Amino acid sequence: MLSGIGLGEILLIALVVLLVFGVGRITKVAGELGSGINAFRKGLKGDINEEESNNEK
């Protein structure tokens, strides 16, 4: 489905997104997305560690 999209089309889409949302808003959303991913990873590691400690008891 997306095999017909080339570099030029991706750059055009990125330019339109940049014009619509602005640089500040995109960086804010990207930062929040990164924080969410990190929190998710930490949560998964915490769940694994809790399961291991419960198995040892």
C-alpha atoms as a PDB file:
ATOM      1  CA  MET A   1       0.000   0.000   0.000  1.00  0.00           C
ATOM      2  CA  LEU A   2       2.719   2.476   0.932  1.00  0.00           C
ATOM      3  CA  SER A   3       5.258   1.079  -1.499  1.00  0.00           C
ATOM      4  CA  GLY A   4       4.499   3.862  -3.985  1.00  0.00           C
ATOM      5  CA  ILE A   5       5.543   6.626  -1.591  1.00  0.00           C
ATOM      6  CA  GLY A   6       9.014   7.970  -2.271  1.00  0.00           C
ATOM      7  CA  LEU A   7      11.311  10.404  -0.536  1.00  0.00           C
ATOM      8  CA  GLY A   8       9.758  13.409  -2.292  1.00  0.00           C
ATOM      9  CA  GLU A   9       6.268  12.546  -1.081  1.00  0.00           C
ATOM     10  CA  ILE A  10       7.465  11.996   2.478  1.00  0.00           C
ATOM     11  CA  LEU A  11       9.209  15.379   2.464  1.00  0.00           C
ATOM     12  CA  LEU A  12       6.063  17.040   1.106  1.00  0.00           C
ATOM     13  CA  ILE A  13       3.935  15.473   3.850  1.00  0.00           C
ATOM     14  CA  ALA A  14       6.462  16.565   6.491  1.00  0.00           C
ATOM     15  CA  LEU A  15       6.409  20.117   5.132  1.00  0.00           C
ATOM     16  CA  VAL A  16       2.605  20.264   5.238  1.00  0.00           C
ATOM     17  CA  VAL A  17       2.559  18.915   8.812  1.00  0.00           C
ATOM     18  CA  LEU A  18       5.184  21.482   9.787  1.00  0.00           C
ATOM     19  CA  LEU A  19       3.155  24.317   8.273  1.00  0.00           C
ATOM     20  CA  VAL A  20      -0.097  23.178   9.894  1.00  0.00           C
ATOM     21  CA  PHE A  21       1.166  22.506  13.410  1.00  0.00           C
ATOM     22  CA  GLY A  22       4.303  24.621  13.687  1.00  0.00           C
ATOM     23  CA  VAL A  23       7.718  23.696  15.031  1.00  0.00           C
ATOM     24  CA  GLY A  24       6.946  24.332  18.697  1.00  0.00           C
ATOM     25  CA  ARG A  25       3.908  22.119  18.801  1.00  0.00           C
ATOM     26  CA  ILE A  26       5.613  19.274  16.937  1.00  0.00           C
ATOM     27  CA  THR A  27       8.568  19.276  19.338  1.00  0.00           C
ATOM     28  CA  LYS A  28       6.207  19.349  22.319  1.00  0.00           C
ATOM     29  CA  VAL A  29       4.207  16.395  21.008  1.00  0.00           C
ATOM     30  CA  ALA A  30       7.386  14.478  20.153  1.00  0.00           C
ATOM     31  CA  GLY A  31       8.765  15.095  23.643  1.00  0.00           C
ATOM     32  CA  GLU A  32       5.550  13.901  25.259  1.00  0.00           C
ATOM     33  CA  LEU A  33       5.527  10.831  23.041  1.00  0.00           C
ATOM     34  CA  GLY A  34       9.109  10.037  24.066  1.00  0.00           C
ATOM     35  CA  SER A  35       8.253  10.460  27.743  1.00  0.00           C
ATOM     36  CA  GLY A  36       5.287   8.162  27.338  1.00  0.00           C
ATOM     37  CA  ILE A  37       7.376   5.485  25.661  1.00  0.00           C
ATOM     38  CA  ASN A  38       9.997   5.693  28.428  1.00  0.00           C
ATOM     39  CA  ALA A  39       7.326   5.409  31.116  1.00  0.00           C
ATOM     40  CA  PHE A  40       5.851   2.405  29.314  1.00  0.00           C
ATOM     41  CA  ARG A  41       9.254   0.694  29.149  1.00  0.00           C
ATOM     42  CA  LYS A  42       9.916   1.381  32.836  1.00  0.00           C
ATOM     43  CA  GLY A  43       6.489  -0.015  33.654  1.00  0.00           C
ATOM     44  CA  LEU A  44       7.209  -3.195  31.739  1.00  0.00           C
ATOM     45  CA  LYS A  45      10.533  -3.622  33.502  1.00  0.00           C
ATOM     46  CA  GLY A  46       8.849  -3.061  36.861  1.00  0.00           C
ATOM     47  CA  ASP A  47       6.221  -5.695  36.083  1.00  0.00           C
ATOM     48  CA  ILE A  48       8.887  -8.199  35.101  1.00  0.00           C
ATOM     49  CA  ASN A  49      10.882  -7.500  38.271  1.00  0.00           C
ATOM     50  CA  GLU A  50       7.757  -7.864  40.426  1.00  0.00           C
ATOM     51  CA  GLU A  51       6.906 -11.200  38.801  1.00  0.00           C
ATOM     52  CA  GLU A  52      10.445 -12.484  39.380  1.00  0.00           C
ATOM     53  CA  SER A  53      10.370 -11.459  43.043  1.00  0.00           C
ATOM     54  CA  ASN A  54       6.945 -13.086  43.511  1.00  0.00           C
ATOM     55  CA  ASN A  55       8.239 -16.335  42.011  1.00  0.00           C
ATOM     56  CA  GLU A  56      11.172 -16.408  44.441  1.00  0.00           C
ATOM     57  CA  LYS A  57       8.935 -16.229  47.531  1.00  0.00           C
END
